[in-house]
C-alpha atoms as a PDB file:
ATOM      1  CA  MET A   1      97.858 104.271 111.747  1.00  0.00           C
ATOM      2  CA  ILE A   2     101.574 103.967 111.071  1.00  0.00           C
ATOM      3  CA  SER A   3     103.271 107.060 112.492  1.00  0.00           C
ATOM      4  CA  GLY A   4     104.506 109.421 109.804  1.00  0.00           C
ATOM      5  CA  HIS A   5     103.132 107.108 107.077  1.00  0.00           C
ATOM      6  CA  PRO A   6     106.229 106.270 104.983  1.00  0.00           C
ATOM      7  CA  GLY A   7     104.005 105.393 102.048  1.00  0.00           C
ATOM      8  CA  THR A   8     102.656 102.251 100.465  1.00  0.00           C
ATOM      9  CA  TRP A   9     103.690  99.782  97.785  1.00  0.00           C
ATOM     10  CA  THR A  10     101.856  97.120  95.859  1.00  0.00           C
ATOM     11  CA  LEU A  11     102.245  93.373  96.060  1.00  0.00           C
ATOM     12  CA  GLY A  12     100.392  92.471  92.908  1.00  0.00           C
ATOM     13  CA  ASP A  13      96.848  93.745  93.400  1.00  0.00           C
ATOM     14  CA  ARG A  14      97.339  94.297  97.127  1.00  0.00           C
ATOM     15  CA  THR A  15      98.544  97.597  98.591  1.00  0.00           C
ATOM     16  CA  VAL A  16     100.490  97.537 101.857  1.00  0.00           C
ATOM     17  CA  HIS A  17     102.174 100.023 104.153  1.00  0.00           C
ATOM     18  CA  ARG A  18     105.938  99.920 103.840  1.00  0.00           C
ATOM     19  CA  ILE A  19     106.435  98.923 107.490  1.00  0.00           C
ATOM     20  CA  GLY A  20     105.302  95.358 108.060  1.00  0.00           C
ATOM     21  CA  PHE A  21     105.912  92.754 110.738  1.00  0.00           C
ATOM     22  CA  GLY A  22     108.066  89.633 110.711  1.00  0.00           C
ATOM     23  CA  ALA A  23     106.753  86.743 112.808  1.00  0.00           C
ATOM     24  CA  MET A  24     109.973  84.730 113.102  1.00  0.00           C
ATOM     25  CA  ARG A  25     110.636  85.759 116.731  1.00  0.00           C
ATOM     26  CA  LEU A  26     107.083  85.415 117.976  1.00  0.00           C
ATOM     27  CA  PRO A  27     107.162  81.727 119.009  1.00  0.00           C
ATOM     28  CA  GLN A  28     110.202  82.008 121.287  1.00  0.00           C
ATOM     29  CA  HIS A  29     112.535  84.259 123.255  1.00  0.00           C
ATOM     30  CA  GLY A  30     116.077  84.748 122.043  1.00  0.00           C
ATOM     31  CA  GLN A  31     117.607  83.373 118.880  1.00  0.00           C
ATOM     32  CA  ALA A  32     115.121  81.867 116.452  1.00  0.00           C
ATOM     33  CA  PHE A  33     115.517  78.135 115.711  1.00  0.00           C
ATOM     34  CA  ALA A  34     117.754  77.541 118.738  1.00  0.00           C
ATOM     35  CA  PRO A  35     116.976  74.058 120.126  1.00  0.00           C
ATOM     36  CA  ASP A  36     116.849  75.373 123.694  1.00  0.00           C
ATOM     37  CA  ALA A  37     114.765  78.477 122.897  1.00  0.00           C
ATOM     38  CA  VAL A  38     112.235  79.352 125.581  1.00  0.00           C
ATOM     39  CA  PRO A  39     108.671  79.511 124.178  1.00  0.00           C
ATOM     40  CA  ARG A  40     107.117  82.955 124.360  1.00  0.00           C
ATOM     41  CA  ASP A  41     104.029  83.561 126.474  1.00  0.00           C
ATOM     42  CA  ARG A  42     101.065  83.003 124.154  1.00  0.00           C
ATOM     43  CA  ASP A  43      99.082  86.004 125.373  1.00  0.00           C
ATOM     44  CA  GLN A  44     102.108  88.262 124.930  1.00  0.00           C
ATOM     45  CA  ALA A  45     102.600  87.123 121.338  1.00  0.00           C
ATOM     46  CA  ILE A  46      98.918  87.593 120.558  1.00  0.00           C
ATOM     47  CA  ALA A  47      98.995  91.090 122.067  1.00  0.00           C
ATOM     48  CA  VAL A  48     101.919  92.052 119.815  1.00  0.00           C
ATOM     49  CA  LEU A  49     100.088  90.894 116.689  1.00  0.00           C
ATOM     50  CA  ARG A  50      96.898  92.709 117.591  1.00  0.00           C
ATOM     51  CA  ARG A  51      98.777  95.882 118.448  1.00  0.00           C
ATOM     52  CA  ALA A  52     100.600  95.696 115.109  1.00  0.00           C
ATOM     53  CA  VAL A  53      97.303  95.722 113.237  1.00  0.00           C
ATOM     54  CA  GLU A  54      96.028  98.575 115.437  1.00  0.00           C
ATOM     55  CA  LEU A  55      99.110 100.587 114.439  1.00  0.00           C
ATOM     56  CA  GLY A  56      98.340 100.118 110.742  1.00  0.00           C
ATOM     57  CA  VAL A  57     100.576  97.152 109.929  1.00  0.00           C
ATOM     58  CA  ASP A  58      98.906  95.287 107.063  1.00  0.00           C
ATOM     59  CA  HIS A  59     101.771  93.050 105.880  1.00  0.00           C
ATOM     60  CA  ILE A  60     102.841  90.113 108.056  1.00  0.00           C
ATOM     61  CA  ASP A  61     105.631  87.740 107.098  1.00  0.00           C
ATOM     62  CA  THR A  62     105.561  84.192 108.436  1.00  0.00           C
ATOM     63  CA  ALA A  63     106.420  80.563 107.649  1.00  0.00           C
ATOM     64  CA  ALA A  64     105.309  77.122 108.792  1.00  0.00           C
ATOM     65  CA  PHE A  65     108.878  76.481 109.983  1.00  0.00           C
ATOM     66  CA  TYR A  66     108.672  79.372 112.458  1.00  0.00           C
ATOM     67  CA  PHE A  67     107.940  77.428 115.621  1.00  0.00           C
ATOM     68  CA  SER A  68     109.297  76.577 119.054  1.00  0.00           C
ATOM     69  CA  ARG A  69     108.489  73.475 121.069  1.00  0.00           C
ATOM     70  CA  LEU A  70     105.184  75.017 122.203  1.00  0.00           C
ATOM     71  CA  ARG A  71     104.405  77.832 119.780  1.00  0.00           C
ATOM     72  CA  SER A  72     103.825  78.183 116.041  1.00  0.00           C
ATOM     73  CA  ALA A  73     103.910  81.602 114.367  1.00  0.00           C
ATOM     74  CA  ASN A  74     101.090  80.613 112.018  1.00  0.00           C
ATOM     75  CA  GLU A  75      98.931  79.363 114.880  1.00  0.00           C
ATOM     76  CA  LEU A  76      99.520  82.580 116.810  1.00  0.00           C
ATOM     77  CA  ILE A  77      98.577  84.692 113.783  1.00  0.00           C
ATOM     78  CA  ASN A  78      95.408  82.651 113.284  1.00  0.00           C
ATOM     79  CA  ARG A  79      94.453  82.919 116.958  1.00  0.00           C
ATOM     80  CA  ALA A  80      95.187  86.646 117.188  1.00  0.00           C
ATOM     81  CA  LEU A  81      93.803  87.961 113.925  1.00  0.00           C
ATOM     82  CA  ALA A  82      91.191  85.609 112.429  1.00  0.00           C
ATOM     83  CA  PRO A  83      88.744  86.467 111.000  1.00  0.00           C
ATOM     84  CA  TYR A  84      91.358  88.426 109.118  1.00  0.00           C
ATOM     85  CA  PRO A  85      90.903  92.089 108.166  1.00  0.00           C
ATOM     86  CA  ASP A  86      90.235  92.501 104.449  1.00  0.00           C
ATOM     87  CA  ASP A  87      93.332  94.671 104.000  1.00  0.00           C
ATOM     88  CA  LEU A  88      95.747  92.305 105.766  1.00  0.00           C
ATOM     89  CA  VAL A  89      98.353  90.620 103.557  1.00  0.00           C
ATOM     90  CA  ILE A  90     100.021  87.521 105.002  1.00  0.00           C
ATOM     91  CA  ALA A  91     103.159  86.370 103.214  1.00  0.00           C
ATOM     92  CA  THR A  92     104.707  82.989 103.889  1.00  0.00           C
ATOM     93  CA  LYS A  93     107.563  80.996 102.422  1.00  0.00           C
ATOM     94  CA  VAL A  94     108.164  77.427 101.331  1.00  0.00           C
ATOM     95  CA  GLY A  95     111.178  75.288 100.518  1.00  0.00           C
ATOM     96  CA  PRO A  96     112.827  74.780 103.939  1.00  0.00           C
ATOM     97  CA  SER A  97     111.190  72.711 106.678  1.00  0.00           C
ATOM     98  CA  ARG A  98     111.923  71.388 110.160  1.00  0.00           C
ATOM     99  CA  ASP A  99     110.874  68.136 111.794  1.00  0.00           C
ATOM    100  CA  PRO A 100     108.866  68.197 115.055  1.00  0.00           C
ATOM    101  CA  SER A 101     112.099  68.286 117.074  1.00  0.00           C
ATOM    102  CA  GLY A 102     113.126  71.455 115.249  1.00  0.00           C
ATOM    103  CA  ALA A 103     115.881  69.879 113.144  1.00  0.00           C
ATOM    104  CA  TRP A 104     116.213  71.203 109.608  1.00  0.00           C
ATOM    105  CA  GLN A 105     115.196  68.906 106.776  1.00  0.00           C
ATOM    106  CA  PRO A 106     116.567  68.837 103.209  1.00  0.00           C
ATOM    107  CA  LEU A 107     115.127  71.484 100.918  1.00  0.00           C
ATOM    108  CA  ALA A 108     111.744  70.418  99.588  1.00  0.00           C
ATOM    109  CA  ALA A 109     111.658  68.721  96.202  1.00  0.00           C
ATOM    110  CA  PRO A 110     109.257  70.326  93.711  1.00  0.00           C
ATOM    111  CA  GLU A 111     106.639  67.630  94.324  1.00  0.00           C
ATOM    112  CA  GLN A 112     106.687  68.424  98.062  1.00  0.00           C
ATOM    113  CA  LEU A 113     105.818  72.106  97.683  1.00  0.00           C
ATOM    114  CA  ARG A 114     102.071  71.587  97.425  1.00  0.00           C
ATOM    115  CA  GLY A 115     102.131  69.853 100.815  1.00  0.00           C
ATOM    116  CA  GLN A 116     103.982  72.831 102.320  1.00  0.00           C
ATOM    117  CA  VAL A 117     101.476  75.267 100.809  1.00  0.00           C
ATOM    118  CA  GLU A 118      98.592  73.222 102.215  1.00  0.00           C
ATOM    119  CA  GLU A 119     100.276  73.124 105.630  1.00  0.00           C
ATOM    120  CA  ASN A 120     100.376  76.933 105.679  1.00  0.00           C
ATOM    121  CA  LEU A 121      96.748  77.095 104.565  1.00  0.00           C
ATOM    122  CA  ARG A 122      95.694  74.761 107.364  1.00  0.00           C
ATOM    123  CA  GLN A 123      97.685  76.518 110.081  1.00  0.00           C
ATOM    124  CA  LEU A 124      96.511  79.976 109.040  1.00  0.00           C
ATOM    125  CA  GLY A 125      92.924  78.860 108.500  1.00  0.00           C
ATOM    126  CA  ARG A 126      92.736  80.217 104.957  1.00  0.00           C
ATOM    127  CA  ASP A 127      91.557  78.962 101.566  1.00  0.00           C
ATOM    128  CA  HIS A 128      94.353  80.791  99.743  1.00  0.00           C
ATOM    129  CA  LEU A 129      97.692  82.413 100.584  1.00  0.00           C
ATOM    130  CA  ASP A 130      98.251  86.085  99.720  1.00  0.00           C
ATOM    131  CA  VAL A 131     101.968  85.763  98.929  1.00  0.00           C
ATOM    132  CA  VAL A 132     104.198  82.697  98.855  1.00  0.00           C
ATOM    133  CA  ASN A 133     107.955  83.177  98.626  1.00  0.00           C
ATOM    134  CA  LEU A 134     110.106  80.355  97.325  1.00  0.00           C
ATOM    135  CA  ARG A 135     113.144  80.250  99.618  1.00  0.00           C
ATOM    136  CA  VAL A 136     115.948  79.446  97.200  1.00  0.00           C
ATOM    137  CA  SER A 137     118.483  77.979  99.669  1.00  0.00           C
ATOM    138  CA  GLY A 138     121.348  77.114  97.341  1.00  0.00           C
ATOM    139  CA  LEU A 139     119.504  76.247  94.131  1.00  0.00           C
ATOM    140  CA  ASP A 140     121.157  77.341  90.886  1.00  0.00           C
ATOM    141  CA  SER A 141     117.969  76.931  88.881  1.00  0.00           C
ATOM    142  CA  ILE A 142     114.595  77.510  90.512  1.00  0.00           C
ATOM    143  CA  ALA A 143     112.565  76.875  87.365  1.00  0.00           C
ATOM    144  CA  GLU A 144     111.127  73.518  88.413  1.00  0.00           C
ATOM    145  CA  HIS A 145     110.271  74.623  91.950  1.00  0.00           C
ATOM    146  CA  PHE A 146     108.847  77.950  90.847  1.00  0.00           C
ATOM    147  CA  GLY A 147     106.875  76.252  88.098  1.00  0.00           C
ATOM    148  CA  VAL A 148     105.065  74.158  90.709  1.00  0.00           C
ATOM    149  CA  LEU A 149     104.143  77.282  92.671  1.00  0.00           C
ATOM    150  CA  ALA A 150     102.973  78.967  89.472  1.00  0.00           C
ATOM    151  CA  GLY A 151     100.660  76.015  88.945  1.00  0.00           C
ATOM    152  CA  LEU A 152      99.265  76.383  92.464  1.00  0.00           C
ATOM    153  CA  ARG A 153      98.729  80.062  91.722  1.00  0.00           C
ATOM    154  CA  GLU A 154      96.737  79.132  88.629  1.00  0.00           C
ATOM    155  CA  ALA A 155      94.724  76.710  90.770  1.00  0.00           C
ATOM    156  CA  GLY A 156      93.792  79.525  93.167  1.00  0.00           C
ATOM    157  CA  LEU A 157      95.728  78.353  96.230  1.00  0.00           C
ATOM    158  CA  ILE A 158      98.191  81.257  95.957  1.00  0.00           C
ATOM    159  CA  ARG A 159      97.454  84.849  94.981  1.00  0.00           C
ATOM    160  CA  HIS A 160     100.994  86.151  94.363  1.00  0.00           C
ATOM    161  CA  LEU A 161     104.519  84.762  94.194  1.00  0.00           C
ATOM    162  CA  GLY A 162     107.899  85.950  95.418  1.00  0.00           C
ATOM    163  CA  ILE A 163     111.401  84.606  95.944  1.00  0.00           C
ATOM    164  CA  SER A 164     113.652  84.692  98.996  1.00  0.00           C
ATOM    165  CA  ASN A 165     117.391  84.359  99.557  1.00  0.00           C
ATOM    166  CA  ALA A 166     117.679  84.939  95.835  1.00  0.00           C
ATOM    167  CA  ARG A 167     120.114  86.287  93.261  1.00  0.00           C
ATOM    168  CA  PRO A 168     119.369  88.347  90.134  1.00  0.00           C
ATOM    169  CA  ALA A 169     119.522  85.241  87.969  1.00  0.00           C
ATOM    170  CA  HIS A 170     116.772  83.671  90.073  1.00  0.00           C
ATOM    171  CA  LEU A 171     114.540  86.692  89.517  1.00  0.00           C
ATOM    172  CA  ALA A 172     115.003  86.383  85.761  1.00  0.00           C
ATOM    173  CA  GLN A 173     114.233  82.637  85.888  1.00  0.00           C
ATOM    174  CA  ALA A 174     111.082  83.209  87.930  1.00  0.00           C
ATOM    175  CA  GLN A 175     109.828  86.151  85.870  1.00  0.00           C
ATOM    176  CA  ALA A 176     109.999  83.948  82.765  1.00  0.00           C
ATOM    177  CA  ILE A 177     107.472  81.608  84.430  1.00  0.00           C
ATOM    178  CA  ALA A 178     105.079  83.849  86.393  1.00  0.00           C
ATOM    179  CA  PRO A 179     104.950  87.389  87.813  1.00  0.00           C
ATOM    180  CA  VAL A 180     107.144  88.024  90.862  1.00  0.00           C
ATOM    181  CA  VAL A 181     105.827  90.627  93.321  1.00  0.00           C
ATOM    182  CA  CYS A 182     108.686  90.615  95.844  1.00  0.00           C
ATOM    183  CA  VAL A 183     112.249  89.594  96.584  1.00  0.00           C
ATOM    184  CA  GLN A 184     112.973  88.890 100.250  1.00  0.00           C
ATOM    185  CA  ASN A 185     116.686  88.910 101.067  1.00  0.00           C
ATOM    186  CA  ALA A 186     118.912  89.536 104.068  1.00  0.00           C
ATOM    187  CA  TYR A 187     119.932  93.191 103.952  1.00  0.00           C
ATOM    188  CA  GLY A 188     120.405  96.179 106.214  1.00  0.00           C
ATOM    189  CA  LEU A 189     122.623  99.109 107.064  1.00  0.00           C
ATOM    190  CA  GLY A 190     126.162  97.719 106.788  1.00  0.00           C
ATOM    191  CA  TYR A 191     124.764  94.251 106.166  1.00  0.00           C
ATOM    192  CA  ARG A 192     125.371  92.765 102.719  1.00  0.00           C
ATOM    193  CA  PRO A 193     126.042  96.002 100.837  1.00  0.00           C
ATOM    194  CA  GLU A 194     126.681  93.847  97.770  1.00  0.00           C
ATOM    195  CA  GLN A 195     122.877  93.623  97.551  1.00  0.00           C
ATOM    196  CA  ASP A 196     122.601  97.323  96.619  1.00  0.00           C
ATOM    197  CA  ALA A 197     122.524  96.714  92.875  1.00  0.00           C
ATOM    198  CA  PHE A 198     119.930  93.960  93.189  1.00  0.00           C
ATOM    199  CA  LEU A 199     117.760  96.238  95.332  1.00  0.00           C
ATOM    200  CA  ASP A 200     117.915  98.839  92.545  1.00  0.00           C
ATOM    201  CA  THR A 201     117.118  96.225  89.897  1.00  0.00           C
ATOM    202  CA  CYS A 202     113.996  95.233  91.790  1.00  0.00           C
ATOM    203  CA  GLY A 203     112.886  98.856  91.925  1.00  0.00           C
ATOM    204  CA  GLU A 204     113.401  99.256  88.183  1.00  0.00           C
ATOM    205  CA  GLN A 205     111.138  96.251  87.600  1.00  0.00           C
ATOM    206  CA  GLY A 206     108.471  97.349  90.078  1.00  0.00           C
ATOM    207  CA  VAL A 207     109.262  94.411  92.366  1.00  0.00           C
ATOM    208  CA  ALA A 208     109.151  94.991  96.119  1.00  0.00           C
ATOM    209  CA  PHE A 209     112.456  94.430  97.918  1.00  0.00           C
ATOM    210  CA  VAL A 210     111.750  93.077 101.404  1.00  0.00           C
ATOM    211  CA  PRO A 211     114.863  93.008 103.597  1.00  0.00           C
ATOM    212  CA  PHE A 212     114.938  90.744 106.590  1.00  0.00           C
ATOM    213  CA  PHE A 213     117.438  91.563 109.341  1.00  0.00           C
ATOM    214  CA  ALA A 214     117.035  95.246 108.371  1.00  0.00           C
ATOM    215  CA  ILE A 215     117.781  96.242 111.970  1.00  0.00           C
ATOM    216  CA  ALA A 216     120.975  94.205 112.096  1.00  0.00           C
ATOM    217  CA  GLY A 217     124.529  95.099 111.360  1.00  0.00           C
ATOM    218  CA  ALA A 218     127.047  92.577 110.118  1.00  0.00           C
ATOM    219  CA  GLY A 219     127.041  89.575 112.416  1.00  0.00           C
ATOM    220  CA  ARG A 220     124.237  90.948 114.591  1.00  0.00           C
ATOM    221  CA  GLU A 221     121.076  89.366 113.179  1.00  0.00           C
ATOM    222  CA  ALA A 222     119.166  89.848 116.426  1.00  0.00           C
ATOM    223  CA  GLY A 223     119.352  93.615 116.064  1.00  0.00           C
ATOM    224  CA  ALA A 224     121.421  96.520 117.235  1.00  0.00           C
ATOM    225  CA  GLY A 225     123.558  95.727 120.237  1.00  0.00           C
ATOM    226  CA  ASP A 226     126.317  97.095 122.425  1.00  0.00           C
ATOM    227  CA  ASP A 227     128.678  97.358 119.446  1.00  0.00           C
ATOM    228  CA  GLU A 228     126.447  99.797 117.557  1.00  0.00           C
ATOM    229  CA  HIS A 229     128.340 102.056 115.145  1.00  0.00           C
ATOM    230  CA  GLU A 230     129.142 105.513 116.493  1.00  0.00           C
ATOM    231  CA  GLU A 231     127.545 107.265 113.495  1.00  0.00           C
ATOM    232  CA  VAL A 232     124.261 105.410 114.057  1.00  0.00           C
ATOM    233  CA  LEU A 233     124.369 106.333 117.733  1.00  0.00           C
ATOM    234  CA  ALA A 234     125.100 109.988 116.964  1.00  0.00           C
ATOM    235  CA  ILE A 235     122.216 110.276 114.509  1.00  0.00           C
ATOM    236  CA  ALA A 236     119.904 108.483 116.920  1.00  0.00           C
ATOM    237  CA  ARG A 237     120.786 110.989 119.657  1.00  0.00           C
ATOM    238  CA  ALA A 238     120.169 113.904 117.292  1.00  0.00           C
ATOM    239  CA  HIS A 239     116.642 112.650 116.624  1.00  0.00           C
ATOM    240  CA  GLU A 240     116.019 111.398 120.174  1.00  0.00           C
ATOM    241  CA  ALA A 241     115.366 108.015 118.601  1.00  0.00           C
ATOM    242  CA  SER A 242     116.649 104.483 119.042  1.00  0.00           C
ATOM    243  CA  PRO A 243     119.430 103.123 116.797  1.00  0.00           C
ATOM    244  CA  VAL A 244     116.950 100.523 115.536  1.00  0.00           C
ATOM    245  CA  ARG A 245     114.634 103.280 114.360  1.00  0.00           C
ATOM    246  CA  VAL A 246     117.528 104.931 112.516  1.00  0.00           C
ATOM    247  CA  ARG A 247     118.389 101.651 110.795  1.00  0.00           C
ATOM    248  CA  LEU A 248     114.812 101.124 109.674  1.00  0.00           C
ATOM    249  CA  ALA A 249     114.485 104.711 108.457  1.00  0.00           C
ATOM    250  CA  TRP A 250     117.668 104.296 106.422  1.00  0.00           C
ATOM    251  CA  ALA A 251     116.326 101.105 104.834  1.00  0.00           C
ATOM    252  CA  LEU A 252     113.025 102.795 103.953  1.00  0.00           C
ATOM    253  CA  GLN A 253     114.904 105.615 102.264  1.00  0.00           C
ATOM    254  CA  ARG A 254     116.759 103.201  99.971  1.00  0.00           C
ATOM    255  CA  GLY A 255     113.770 103.241  97.650  1.00  0.00           C
ATOM    256  CA  PRO A 256     109.968 103.486  97.635  1.00  0.00           C
ATOM    257  CA  HIS A 257     109.773  99.771  96.811  1.00  0.00           C
ATOM    258  CA  VAL A 258     111.572  98.729 100.025  1.00  0.00           C
ATOM    259  CA  LEU A 259     109.242  97.101 102.580  1.00  0.00           C
ATOM    260  CA  VAL A 260     110.713  96.436 106.020  1.00  0.00           C
ATOM    261  CA  ILE A 261     109.428  93.601 108.208  1.00  0.00           C
ATOM    262  CA  PRO A 262     111.098  93.992 111.636  1.00  0.00           C
ATOM    263  CA  GLY A 263     110.072  91.350 114.130  1.00  0.00           C
ATOM    264  CA  THR A 264     109.771  91.440 117.894  1.00  0.00           C
ATOM    265  CA  GLY A 265     107.903  89.861 120.775  1.00  0.00           C
ATOM    266  CA  SER A 266     107.595  93.158 122.657  1.00  0.00           C
ATOM    267  CA  VAL A 267     104.807  95.706 122.208  1.00  0.00           C
ATOM    268  CA  GLY A 268     107.230  98.478 123.155  1.00  0.00           C
ATOM    269  CA  HIS A 269     109.767  97.451 120.523  1.00  0.00           C
ATOM    270  CA  LEU A 270     106.965  97.062 117.988  1.00  0.00           C
ATOM    271  CA  GLU A 271     105.826 100.632 118.596  1.00  0.00           C
ATOM    272  CA  ASP A 272     109.401 101.891 118.275  1.00  0.00           C
ATOM    273  CA  ASN A 273     109.854 100.005 114.999  1.00  0.00           C
ATOM    274  CA  VAL A 274     106.654 101.420 113.542  1.00  0.00           C
ATOM    275  CA  ALA A 275     107.706 104.921 114.600  1.00  0.00           C
ATOM    276  CA  ALA A 276     110.569 104.682 112.096  1.00  0.00           C
ATOM    277  CA  GLY A 277     108.025 105.772 109.505  1.00  0.00           C
ATOM    278  CA  ALA A 278     108.081 109.274 110.959  1.00  0.00           C
ATOM    279  CA  LEU A 279     111.870 109.602 111.077  1.00  0.00           C
ATOM    280  CA  ARG A 280     113.228 111.712 108.224  1.00  0.00           C
ATOM    281  CA  LEU A 281     116.972 111.565 107.796  1.00  0.00           C
ATOM    282  CA  THR A 282     118.713 114.587 106.317  1.00  0.00           C
ATOM    283  CA  PRO A 283     120.879 114.297 103.176  1.00  0.00           C
ATOM    284  CA  ASP A 284     123.970 114.685 105.373  1.00  0.00           C
ATOM    285  CA  GLU A 285     122.817 111.933 107.724  1.00  0.00           C
ATOM    286  CA  LEU A 286     122.045 109.645 104.805  1.00  0.00           C
ATOM    287  CA  ALA A 287     125.510 110.252 103.378  1.00  0.00           C
ATOM    288  CA  ARG A 288     127.115 109.405 106.717  1.00  0.00           C
ATOM    289  CA  LEU A 289     125.056 106.233 107.015  1.00  0.00           C
ATOM    290  CA  ASP A 290     125.784 105.279 103.419  1.00  0.00           C
ATOM    291  CA  ALA A 291     129.485 105.479 104.266  1.00  0.00           C
ATOM    292  CA  VAL A 292     128.930 103.116 107.208  1.00  0.00           C
ATOM    293  CA  HIS A 293     126.985 100.817 104.905  1.00  0.00           C
ATOM    294  CA  SER A 294     129.703 100.662 102.297  1.00  0.00           C
ATOM    295  CA  LEU A 295     132.180  99.508 104.940  1.00  0.00           C
ATOM    296  CA  GLY A 296     129.939  96.610 105.899  1.00  0.00           C
ATOM    297  CA  ARG A 297     129.393  97.731 109.507  1.00  0.00           C
END
């Protein structure tokens, strides 16, 4: 069970713990999507996924375009966890794609989205997808794309819909077509503080806000590094915790609708991430971290 149990939130009719797992880093070591990325050991990746479920993680984020030259995140999830536990929610995303060499392709046209949904179904070995996020990627209007996904939801291929890399206007466009259960955007302590108002808007509407890169500071998407802010380090020392755990705890305390999905290929790092659920920051510590956040550090 997730240490300290930071609570649950709903994604439509599914209830999940607020600490999930992001699968982007599973297929390779180092920076995701790098052409020279070294594929991760398959058994190691499978062990991380199984340990995540043992720890109480019931929300996994993935995508068909998460792959290295030898590993696919969806294939690893299928191999590690199928037959899937009844309480496990797997969220994926569509819109972007990569060719077999790893090169990015143009954003999918609306008529290509069904093929991407079916690709995820095949790779995961499922007859429906729990949550599908439309990755906006520069679109001003998402109505046509989201309308296609709403149709696939009506057809039973998708249970719930979300949007990713989105702006408030996109949420309004999508909500006019079909219910939106989550918004998945880049956000973290000191990382895109301009997202604060949108995070609050999601909470007011009962929509989960799912930050990716929640353990990163500005310019450090891989996570906390040698240039960690002194306030984060000081608070981490006070709690005998890692800076990453402090960053995750801060994100969780931004609102009960915030669901974090830190990713890793290490069981040790996974356990540290999950332990953020037990870390309670004091009002003074939150104020100090909020000040760091406002400066974009």
